Amino acid sequence: MMSRHERPVAIHYRRDGVGAPVTLLHGVGSSLDVWDGVVSALDGCAVLRADLRGHGRSDKPPGPYQLDDFVRDLAGLYARLGIERSHLVGFSLGGIIAQAFALAHPEKVARLVLISAVAGRTPAEKARARERSRAIMEVGAEQHARNSAARWFTDAFQQSHPDIVAQHLRRFVANDPAAYLAAYRVLAESDLAERLAGIRQPTLIITGEHDIGSTPRMAELMHGEIAHSELRILPGLKHALLLEAPAQIAELIRRFIAPASTSVRDCAVGD
C-alpha cells in the first residue's frame, strides 16, 4: 500500500566490491559516506549502502516520517536492483530500520548486524530522547551536533582526530533541517523491543561500553530477545563506532557473515 507520499522516494545508493552481499544503513543525520572506513576494510563483500530518505543525495520529502517509510524505501531499492537476499547491517537509526525490515521481510535478510542500535528504552531514556528531539528545534542542527559530540566520541579520539570529528559535524550541519528533524523523531519514538523475539535470523549485536544512547543494557536486552544472537560490547568506546573503530567493525561483520556467505546469492557490482 502506498504511503501518504504520492510518488516513490528516490534513494541514492553506492555499490562496491564483489562477494557476499551486504547492505549498510547509516544513522540519523549522517549519509552513506560514514561507512567509508568500514567498506575499505570489508574485503570479500559486495556492499550496498544508501542514503536514507531525507539524507545525503536521496529525496527529502516533507515529514512526518514513519519507520515503515524507511522499510518500504529499502524494499523498493532491493526490487529495483534485483536483490533477493542480503546480509543487513544497521547503525543507530539504521539499526532500528534493520530490525523492522528483518521482521517485515525475513526472506530478504540472511544475517543481521545491529550496531549502536536502540531497543527497550526506560521511561527516563525515552524522555531524554524526546528532549533531544525538542532541542533540535530550539537550537538547530549545528548546535545540537556540537552539543552531542561528547556523547558520540571518546575524549581521546576527539583530541587525536579533530579533522574526522569536524567532518562528521559538518555532515550534520549540511542536512535539510526539516528532514533531519523528521528522521530524528523516528529515532526518538521507535522501539521494537516487544517484537524482537520475532527476528529469526542469526544476529550480531554491537555497541560501545560507554554509549549512553545505545547502551550495553539495551544491547543485552536485544541479545536476550533474539534467539540466535551474539553480543559484542566494545571496551572504552562510545557511539561513533563506525568512525572510531572501522577496521574492528569490518572484521566483526566479516567473521559473522562468513558461515552464510556461500548460501546467499552474490550481488553484481554496478547498475
C-alpha atoms as a PDB file:
ATOM      1  CA  MET A   1       0.000   0.000   0.000  1.00  0.00           C
ATOM      2  CA  MET A   2       1.325   3.444  -0.951  1.00  0.00           C
ATOM      3  CA  SER A   3       2.106   5.849   1.888  1.00  0.00           C
ATOM      4  CA  ARG A   4       0.782   9.381   2.127  1.00  0.00           C
ATOM      5  CA  HIS A   5       3.624  10.406  -0.227  1.00  0.00           C
ATOM      6  CA  GLU A   6       2.155  10.054  -3.704  1.00  0.00           C
ATOM      7  CA  ARG A   7       5.380   9.280  -5.544  1.00  0.00           C
ATOM      8  CA  PRO A   8       8.152   6.848  -4.607  1.00  0.00           C
ATOM      9  CA  VAL A   9      11.160   8.387  -2.876  1.00  0.00           C
ATOM     10  CA  ALA A  10      14.354   8.326  -4.962  1.00  0.00           C
ATOM     11  CA  ILE A  11      17.094   6.689  -2.889  1.00  0.00           C
ATOM     12  CA  HIS A  12      20.726   7.422  -3.703  1.00  0.00           C
ATOM     13  CA  TYR A  13      22.998   4.399  -3.295  1.00  0.00           C
ATOM     14  CA  ARG A  14      26.518   3.113  -3.937  1.00  0.00           C
ATOM     15  CA  ARG A  15      27.795  -0.397  -4.628  1.00  0.00           C
ATOM     16  CA  ASP A  16      31.359  -1.609  -4.056  1.00  0.00           C
ATOM     17  CA  GLY A  17      33.225  -4.904  -4.234  1.00  0.00           C
ATOM     18  CA  VAL A  18      32.322  -8.470  -5.031  1.00  0.00           C
ATOM     19  CA  GLY A  19      31.404 -11.443  -2.861  1.00  0.00           C
ATOM     20  CA  ALA A  20      28.773 -11.908  -0.191  1.00  0.00           C
ATOM     21  CA  PRO A  21      26.039  -9.236  -0.486  1.00  0.00           C
ATOM     22  CA  VAL A  22      25.943  -6.853   2.473  1.00  0.00           C
ATOM     23  CA  THR A  23      23.648  -3.832   2.896  1.00  0.00           C
ATOM     24  CA  LEU A  24      24.696  -0.966   5.188  1.00  0.00           C
ATOM     25  CA  LEU A  25      22.236   1.533   6.723  1.00  0.00           C
ATOM     26  CA  HIS A  26      23.610   4.680   8.375  1.00  0.00           C
ATOM     27  CA  GLY A  27      22.303   6.657  11.343  1.00  0.00           C
ATOM     28  CA  VAL A  28      20.226   9.809  11.638  1.00  0.00           C
ATOM     29  CA  GLY A  29      21.776  12.987  10.278  1.00  0.00           C
ATOM     30  CA  SER A  30      24.511  11.061   8.504  1.00  0.00           C
ATOM     31  CA  SER A  31      24.996   9.655   4.992  1.00  0.00           C
ATOM     32  CA  LEU A  32      26.386   6.604   3.231  1.00  0.00           C
ATOM     33  CA  ASP A  33      29.883   8.171   3.363  1.00  0.00           C
ATOM     34  CA  VAL A  34      30.106   7.433   7.091  1.00  0.00           C
ATOM     35  CA  TRP A  35      30.735   3.790   6.119  1.00  0.00           C
ATOM     36  CA  ASP A  36      33.881   4.598   4.073  1.00  0.00           C
ATOM     37  CA  GLY A  37      36.329   3.271   6.654  1.00  0.00           C
ATOM     38  CA  VAL A  38      34.320   0.100   7.216  1.00  0.00           C
ATOM     39  CA  VAL A  39      33.880  -0.583   3.491  1.00  0.00           C
ATOM     40  CA  SER A  40      37.598  -0.132   2.796  1.00  0.00           C
ATOM     41  CA  ALA A  41      38.281  -2.934   5.290  1.00  0.00           C
ATOM     42  CA  LEU A  42      35.355  -5.141   4.314  1.00  0.00           C
ATOM     43  CA  ASP A  43      37.052  -7.377   1.761  1.00  0.00           C
ATOM     44  CA  GLY A  44      35.181 -10.192   0.047  1.00  0.00           C
ATOM     45  CA  CYS A  45      31.800  -8.471   0.144  1.00  0.00           C
ATOM     46  CA  ALA A  46      29.509  -6.874  -2.428  1.00  0.00           C
ATOM     47  CA  VAL A  47      28.482  -3.831  -0.410  1.00  0.00           C
ATOM     48  CA  LEU A  48      25.323  -1.817  -0.984  1.00  0.00           C
ATOM     49  CA  ARG A  49      24.940   1.359   1.017  1.00  0.00           C
ATOM     50  CA  ALA A  50      22.276   4.012   0.655  1.00  0.00           C
ATOM     51  CA  ASP A  51      21.403   7.484   1.876  1.00  0.00           C
ATOM     52  CA  LEU A  52      18.228   7.179   3.930  1.00  0.00           C
ATOM     53  CA  ARG A  53      15.262   9.309   2.873  1.00  0.00           C
ATOM     54  CA  GLY A  54      15.824  12.890   3.999  1.00  0.00           C
ATOM     55  CA  HIS A  55      19.614  12.423   3.966  1.00  0.00           C
ATOM     56  CA  GLY A  56      22.543  12.890   1.613  1.00  0.00           C
ATOM     57  CA  ARG A  57      21.563  12.758  -2.038  1.00  0.00           C
ATOM     58  CA  SER A  58      18.279  10.904  -1.512  1.00  0.00           C
ATOM     59  CA  ASP A  59      14.923  12.659  -1.836  1.00  0.00           C
ATOM     60  CA  LYS A  60      13.800  14.754   1.111  1.00  0.00           C
ATOM     61  CA  PRO A  61      10.002  14.556   1.153  1.00  0.00           C
ATOM     62  CA  PRO A  62       8.095  16.555   3.764  1.00  0.00           C
ATOM     63  CA  GLY A  63       7.596  14.892   7.124  1.00  0.00           C
ATOM     64  CA  PRO A  64       6.480  13.439   9.331  1.00  0.00           C
ATOM     65  CA  TYR A  65       8.352  10.221   8.573  1.00  0.00           C
ATOM     66  CA  GLN A  66       7.421   6.821   9.933  1.00  0.00           C
ATOM     67  CA  LEU A  67       9.586   3.764  10.486  1.00  0.00           C
ATOM     68  CA  ASP A  68       7.593   1.914   7.817  1.00  0.00           C
ATOM     69  CA  ASP A  69       8.613   4.580   5.268  1.00  0.00           C
ATOM     70  CA  PHE A  70      12.281   3.603   5.653  1.00  0.00           C
ATOM     71  CA  VAL A  71      11.409  -0.105   5.446  1.00  0.00           C
ATOM     72  CA  ARG A  72       9.457   0.490   2.251  1.00  0.00           C
ATOM     73  CA  ASP A  73      12.327   2.527   0.778  1.00  0.00           C
ATOM     74  CA  LEU A  74      14.762  -0.360   1.292  1.00  0.00           C
ATOM     75  CA  ALA A  75      12.346  -2.934  -0.113  1.00  0.00           C
ATOM     76  CA  GLY A  76      11.891  -0.725  -3.172  1.00  0.00           C
ATOM     77  CA  LEU A  77      15.649  -0.379  -3.627  1.00  0.00           C
ATOM     78  CA  TYR A  78      16.083  -4.162  -3.445  1.00  0.00           C
ATOM     79  CA  ALA A  79      13.352  -4.595  -6.071  1.00  0.00           C
ATOM     80  CA  ARG A  80      14.989  -2.004  -8.307  1.00  0.00           C
ATOM     81  CA  LEU A  81      18.405  -3.689  -8.058  1.00  0.00           C
ATOM     82  CA  GLY A  82      17.105  -7.252  -8.248  1.00  0.00           C
ATOM     83  CA  ILE A  83      18.410  -8.155  -4.785  1.00  0.00           C
ATOM     84  CA  GLU A  84      16.599 -11.187  -3.433  1.00  0.00           C
ATOM     85  CA  ARG A  85      18.555 -11.662  -0.213  1.00  0.00           C
ATOM     86  CA  SER A  86      21.377  -9.859   1.577  1.00  0.00           C
ATOM     87  CA  HIS A  87      23.100  -9.590   4.912  1.00  0.00           C
ATOM     88  CA  LEU A  88      21.787  -6.426   6.582  1.00  0.00           C
ATOM     89  CA  VAL A  89      23.808  -4.105   8.825  1.00  0.00           C
ATOM     90  CA  GLY A  90      22.236  -1.098  10.545  1.00  0.00           C
ATOM     91  CA  PHE A  91      23.807   1.606  12.694  1.00  0.00           C
ATOM     92  CA  SER A  92      21.744   3.598  15.246  1.00  0.00           C
ATOM     93  CA  LEU A  93      18.563   4.656  13.372  1.00  0.00           C
ATOM     94  CA  GLY A  94      19.724   2.256  10.669  1.00  0.00           C
ATOM     95  CA  GLY A  95      19.705  -0.443  13.340  1.00  0.00           C
ATOM     96  CA  ILE A  96      16.046   0.209  14.108  1.00  0.00           C
ATOM     97  CA  ILE A  97      15.241   0.156  10.393  1.00  0.00           C
ATOM     98  CA  ALA A  98      17.164  -3.115  10.070  1.00  0.00           C
ATOM     99  CA  GLN A  99      15.140  -4.647  12.918  1.00  0.00           C
ATOM    100  CA  ALA A 100      11.883  -3.575  11.271  1.00  0.00           C
ATOM    101  CA  PHE A 101      12.994  -4.777   7.831  1.00  0.00           C
ATOM    102  CA  ALA A 102      14.010  -8.192   9.175  1.00  0.00           C
ATOM    103  CA  LEU A 103      10.569  -8.535  10.772  1.00  0.00           C
ATOM    104  CA  ALA A 104       8.673  -7.346   7.684  1.00  0.00           C
ATOM    105  CA  HIS A 105      10.781  -9.144   5.054  1.00  0.00           C
ATOM    106  CA  PRO A 106      12.527 -12.079   6.751  1.00  0.00           C
ATOM    107  CA  GLU A 107      13.096 -13.844   3.426  1.00  0.00           C
ATOM    108  CA  LYS A 108      15.293 -10.952   2.247  1.00  0.00           C
ATOM    109  CA  VAL A 109      17.680 -10.975   5.218  1.00  0.00           C
ATOM    110  CA  ALA A 110      20.357 -13.642   5.575  1.00  0.00           C
ATOM    111  CA  ARG A 111      22.153 -12.387   8.689  1.00  0.00           C
ATOM    112  CA  LEU A 112      21.512  -9.249  10.709  1.00  0.00           C
ATOM    113  CA  VAL A 113      24.034  -6.925  12.377  1.00  0.00           C
ATOM    114  CA  LEU A 114      22.814  -4.220  14.771  1.00  0.00           C
ATOM    115  CA  ILE A 115      25.426  -1.584  15.678  1.00  0.00           C
ATOM    116  CA  SER A 116      24.785   1.064  18.348  1.00  0.00           C
ATOM    117  CA  ALA A 117      21.086   0.304  17.998  1.00  0.00           C
ATOM    118  CA  VAL A 118      18.169   1.028  20.315  1.00  0.00           C
ATOM    119  CA  ALA A 119      15.526  -1.160  21.957  1.00  0.00           C
ATOM    120  CA  GLY A 120      13.793  -1.251  25.319  1.00  0.00           C
ATOM    121  CA  ARG A 121      14.314   2.345  26.401  1.00  0.00           C
ATOM    122  CA  THR A 122      13.395   3.049  30.011  1.00  0.00           C
ATOM    123  CA  PRO A 123      10.945   5.893  30.727  1.00  0.00           C
ATOM    124  CA  ALA A 124      13.910   8.130  31.576  1.00  0.00           C
ATOM    125  CA  GLU A 125      15.690   7.204  28.337  1.00  0.00           C
ATOM    126  CA  LYS A 126      12.517   7.875  26.346  1.00  0.00           C
ATOM    127  CA  ALA A 127      12.240  11.294  27.990  1.00  0.00           C
ATOM    128  CA  ARG A 128      15.863  12.137  27.137  1.00  0.00           C
ATOM    129  CA  ALA A 129      15.325  11.085  23.505  1.00  0.00           C
ATOM    130  CA  ARG A 130      12.250  13.307  23.254  1.00  0.00           C
ATOM    131  CA  GLU A 131      14.169  16.168  24.879  1.00  0.00           C
ATOM    132  CA  ARG A 132      16.949  15.861  22.285  1.00  0.00           C
ATOM    133  CA  SER A 133      14.287  15.996  19.574  1.00  0.00           C
ATOM    134  CA  ARG A 134      12.926  19.228  21.076  1.00  0.00           C
ATOM    135  CA  ALA A 135      16.452  20.629  21.384  1.00  0.00           C
ATOM    136  CA  ILE A 136      16.965  20.303  17.634  1.00  0.00           C
ATOM    137  CA  MET A 137      14.033  22.647  17.088  1.00  0.00           C
ATOM    138  CA  GLU A 138      15.245  25.102  19.698  1.00  0.00           C
ATOM    139  CA  VAL A 139      18.979  25.332  18.998  1.00  0.00           C
ATOM    140  CA  GLY A 140      19.225  23.972  15.455  1.00  0.00           C
ATOM    141  CA  ALA A 141      21.138  21.031  13.998  1.00  0.00           C
ATOM    142  CA  GLU A 142      24.556  22.717  14.163  1.00  0.00           C
ATOM    143  CA  GLN A 143      24.462  23.463  17.877  1.00  0.00           C
ATOM    144  CA  HIS A 144      22.793  20.138  18.590  1.00  0.00           C
ATOM    145  CA  ALA A 145      25.615  18.311  16.789  1.00  0.00           C
ATOM    146  CA  ARG A 146      28.273  20.243  18.707  1.00  0.00           C
ATOM    147  CA  ASN A 147      26.489  19.528  21.973  1.00  0.00           C
ATOM    148  CA  SER A 148      26.350  15.835  21.077  1.00  0.00           C
ATOM    149  CA  ALA A 149      29.998  15.373  20.094  1.00  0.00           C
ATOM    150  CA  ALA A 150      30.981  14.344  23.612  1.00  0.00           C
ATOM    151  CA  ARG A 151      28.242  11.692  23.619  1.00  0.00           C
ATOM    152  CA  TRP A 152      29.368  10.275  20.277  1.00  0.00           C
ATOM    153  CA  PHE A 153      33.173  10.382  20.501  1.00  0.00           C
ATOM    154  CA  THR A 154      35.653   9.498  23.209  1.00  0.00           C
ATOM    155  CA  ASP A 155      37.819  12.348  24.515  1.00  0.00           C
ATOM    156  CA  ALA A 156      40.945  10.636  23.204  1.00  0.00           C
ATOM    157  CA  PHE A 157      39.534  10.376  19.665  1.00  0.00           C
ATOM    158  CA  GLN A 158      38.394  13.997  19.652  1.00  0.00           C
ATOM    159  CA  GLN A 159      41.914  15.044  20.596  1.00  0.00           C
ATOM    160  CA  SER A 160      43.748  12.735  18.176  1.00  0.00           C
ATOM    161  CA  HIS A 161      41.372  13.036  15.189  1.00  0.00           C
ATOM    162  CA  PRO A 162      39.829  16.525  15.264  1.00  0.00           C
ATOM    163  CA  ASP A 163      39.559  16.507  11.467  1.00  0.00           C
ATOM    164  CA  ILE A 164      37.303  13.411  11.448  1.00  0.00           C
ATOM    165  CA  VAL A 165      35.131  14.830  14.223  1.00  0.00           C
ATOM    166  CA  ALA A 166      34.826  18.179  12.428  1.00  0.00           C
ATOM    167  CA  GLN A 167      33.921  16.463   9.152  1.00  0.00           C
ATOM    168  CA  HIS A 168      31.230  14.446  10.904  1.00  0.00           C
ATOM    169  CA  LEU A 169      29.759  17.585  12.489  1.00  0.00           C
ATOM    170  CA  ARG A 170      29.769  19.340   9.098  1.00  0.00           C
ATOM    171  CA  ARG A 171      27.811  16.399   7.682  1.00  0.00           C
ATOM    172  CA  PHE A 172      25.105  17.033  10.275  1.00  0.00           C
ATOM    173  CA  VAL A 173      25.040  20.779   9.658  1.00  0.00           C
ATOM    174  CA  ALA A 174      24.561  20.173   5.908  1.00  0.00           C
ATOM    175  CA  ASN A 175      21.284  18.325   6.491  1.00  0.00           C
ATOM    176  CA  ASP A 176      17.955  19.736   5.427  1.00  0.00           C
ATOM    177  CA  PRO A 177      16.618  20.926   8.827  1.00  0.00           C
ATOM    178  CA  ALA A 178      13.052  19.686   8.357  1.00  0.00           C
ATOM    179  CA  ALA A 179      14.122  16.295   7.015  1.00  0.00           C
ATOM    180  CA  TYR A 180      16.670  15.872   9.824  1.00  0.00           C
ATOM    181  CA  LEU A 181      14.033  16.597  12.454  1.00  0.00           C
ATOM    182  CA  ALA A 182      11.535  14.241  10.784  1.00  0.00           C
ATOM    183  CA  ALA A 183      14.102  11.423  10.805  1.00  0.00           C
ATOM    184  CA  TYR A 184      15.242  12.184  14.338  1.00  0.00           C
ATOM    185  CA  ARG A 185      11.696  11.861  15.596  1.00  0.00           C
ATOM    186  CA  VAL A 186      11.592   8.324  14.154  1.00  0.00           C
ATOM    187  CA  LEU A 187      14.761   7.528  16.101  1.00  0.00           C
ATOM    188  CA  ALA A 188      13.385   9.093  19.278  1.00  0.00           C
ATOM    189  CA  GLU A 189       9.958   7.454  19.114  1.00  0.00           C
ATOM    190  CA  SER A 190      10.611   3.991  17.642  1.00  0.00           C
ATOM    191  CA  ASP A 191      11.165   0.977  19.869  1.00  0.00           C
ATOM    192  CA  LEU A 192      10.664  -2.613  18.707  1.00  0.00           C
ATOM    193  CA  ALA A 193      11.686  -4.335  21.932  1.00  0.00           C
ATOM    194  CA  GLU A 194       8.378  -6.182  22.243  1.00  0.00           C
ATOM    195  CA  ARG A 195       8.717  -7.617  18.716  1.00  0.00           C
ATOM    196  CA  LEU A 196      12.373  -8.632  18.726  1.00  0.00           C
ATOM    197  CA  ALA A 197      11.599 -12.267  19.553  1.00  0.00           C
ATOM    198  CA  GLY A 198      10.154 -12.485  16.042  1.00  0.00           C
ATOM    199  CA  ILE A 199      13.592 -11.991  14.489  1.00  0.00           C
ATOM    200  CA  ARG A 200      14.760 -15.435  13.397  1.00  0.00           C
ATOM    201  CA  GLN A 201      17.929 -14.559  11.514  1.00  0.00           C
ATOM    202  CA  PRO A 202      21.321 -15.055  13.162  1.00  0.00           C
ATOM    203  CA  THR A 203      22.073 -11.618  14.603  1.00  0.00           C
ATOM    204  CA  LEU A 204      25.211  -9.853  15.801  1.00  0.00           C
ATOM    205  CA  ILE A 205      24.665  -7.018  18.294  1.00  0.00           C
ATOM    206  CA  ILE A 206      27.453  -4.484  18.851  1.00  0.00           C
ATOM    207  CA  THR A 207      27.669  -1.369  20.992  1.00  0.00           C
ATOM    208  CA  GLY A 208      30.235   0.706  22.831  1.00  0.00           C
ATOM    209  CA  GLU A 209      30.877   0.226  26.529  1.00  0.00           C
ATOM    210  CA  HIS A 210      30.223   3.910  27.213  1.00  0.00           C
ATOM    211  CA  ASP A 211      27.413   4.583  24.726  1.00  0.00           C
ATOM    212  CA  ILE A 212      24.735   6.390  26.750  1.00  0.00           C
ATOM    213  CA  GLY A 213      22.161   6.440  23.928  1.00  0.00           C
ATOM    214  CA  SER A 214      22.502   2.862  22.694  1.00  0.00           C
ATOM    215  CA  THR A 215      23.540   1.368  25.972  1.00  0.00           C
ATOM    216  CA  PRO A 216      25.042  -2.019  26.812  1.00  0.00           C
ATOM    217  CA  ARG A 217      21.833  -2.720  28.735  1.00  0.00           C
ATOM    218  CA  MET A 218      19.840  -2.270  25.528  1.00  0.00           C
ATOM    219  CA  ALA A 219      22.282  -4.494  23.654  1.00  0.00           C
ATOM    220  CA  GLU A 220      21.909  -7.186  26.319  1.00  0.00           C
ATOM    221  CA  LEU A 221      18.120  -6.896  26.086  1.00  0.00           C
ATOM    222  CA  MET A 222      18.269  -7.391  22.294  1.00  0.00           C
ATOM    223  CA  HIS A 223      20.591 -10.350  22.806  1.00  0.00           C
ATOM    224  CA  GLY A 224      18.118 -11.880  25.262  1.00  0.00           C
ATOM    225  CA  GLU A 225      15.138 -11.411  22.949  1.00  0.00           C
ATOM    226  CA  ILE A 226      16.699 -12.541  19.652  1.00  0.00           C
ATOM    227  CA  ALA A 227      17.207 -16.285  19.831  1.00  0.00           C
ATOM    228  CA  HIS A 228      20.176 -16.750  17.504  1.00  0.00           C
ATOM    229  CA  SER A 229      22.236 -13.743  18.516  1.00  0.00           C
ATOM    230  CA  GLU A 230      25.752 -12.846  19.559  1.00  0.00           C
ATOM    231  CA  LEU A 231      26.743  -9.836  21.655  1.00  0.00           C
ATOM    232  CA  ARG A 232      29.882  -7.698  21.488  1.00  0.00           C
ATOM    233  CA  ILE A 233      30.421  -4.784  23.877  1.00  0.00           C
ATOM    234  CA  LEU A 234      33.460  -2.834  22.673  1.00  0.00           C
ATOM    235  CA  PRO A 235      35.577  -1.602  25.609  1.00  0.00           C
ATOM    236  CA  GLY A 236      36.222   2.094  26.015  1.00  0.00           C
ATOM    237  CA  LEU A 237      34.104   3.255  23.077  1.00  0.00           C
ATOM    238  CA  LYS A 238      31.011   5.447  22.832  1.00  0.00           C
ATOM    239  CA  HIS A 239      28.524   5.799  19.950  1.00  0.00           C
ATOM    240  CA  ALA A 240      30.647   6.628  16.904  1.00  0.00           C
ATOM    241  CA  LEU A 241      31.936   3.105  16.300  1.00  0.00           C
ATOM    242  CA  LEU A 242      31.971   3.477  12.506  1.00  0.00           C
ATOM    243  CA  LEU A 243      34.474   6.325  12.762  1.00  0.00           C
ATOM    244  CA  GLU A 244      36.497   5.337  15.821  1.00  0.00           C
ATOM    245  CA  ALA A 245      36.814   1.615  15.084  1.00  0.00           C
ATOM    246  CA  PRO A 246      36.022   0.973  11.388  1.00  0.00           C
ATOM    247  CA  ALA A 247      38.524  -1.871  10.936  1.00  0.00           C
ATOM    248  CA  GLN A 248      37.276  -3.621  14.079  1.00  0.00           C
ATOM    249  CA  ILE A 249      33.656  -3.269  12.949  1.00  0.00           C
ATOM    250  CA  ALA A 250      34.526  -4.591   9.482  1.00  0.00           C
ATOM    251  CA  GLU A 251      36.292  -7.602  10.979  1.00  0.00           C
ATOM    252  CA  LEU A 252      33.354  -8.399  13.255  1.00  0.00           C
ATOM    253  CA  ILE A 253      30.941  -8.182  10.317  1.00  0.00           C
ATOM    254  CA  ARG A 254      33.139 -10.287   8.039  1.00  0.00           C
ATOM    255  CA  ARG A 255      33.615 -13.036  10.600  1.00  0.00           C
ATOM    256  CA  PHE A 256      29.921 -13.112  11.447  1.00  0.00           C
ATOM    257  CA  ILE A 257      28.634 -13.400   7.893  1.00  0.00           C
ATOM    258  CA  ALA A 258      31.312 -15.839   6.716  1.00  0.00           C
ATOM    259  CA  PRO A 259      29.381 -19.037   7.629  1.00  0.00           C
ATOM    260  CA  ALA A 260      26.407 -17.961   5.499  1.00  0.00           C
ATOM    261  CA  SER A 261      28.206 -16.299   2.598  1.00  0.00           C
ATOM    262  CA  THR A 262      28.057 -19.264   0.235  1.00  0.00           C
ATOM    263  CA  SER A 263      24.292 -19.634   0.706  1.00  0.00           C
ATOM    264  CA  VAL A 264      23.460 -16.056  -0.309  1.00  0.00           C
ATOM    265  CA  ARG A 265      23.291 -15.115  -3.969  1.00  0.00           C
ATOM    266  CA  ASP A 266      26.054 -12.645  -4.775  1.00  0.00           C
ATOM    267  CA  CYS A 267      25.129  -9.160  -5.905  1.00  0.00           C
ATOM    268  CA  ALA A 268      26.736  -7.871  -9.073  1.00  0.00           C
ATOM    269  CA  VAL A 269      28.582  -4.568  -8.882  1.00  0.00           C
ATOM    270  CA  GLY A 270      27.119  -1.749 -10.908  1.00  0.00           C
ATOM    271  CA  ASP A 271      23.649  -0.709 -12.048  1.00  0.00           C
END
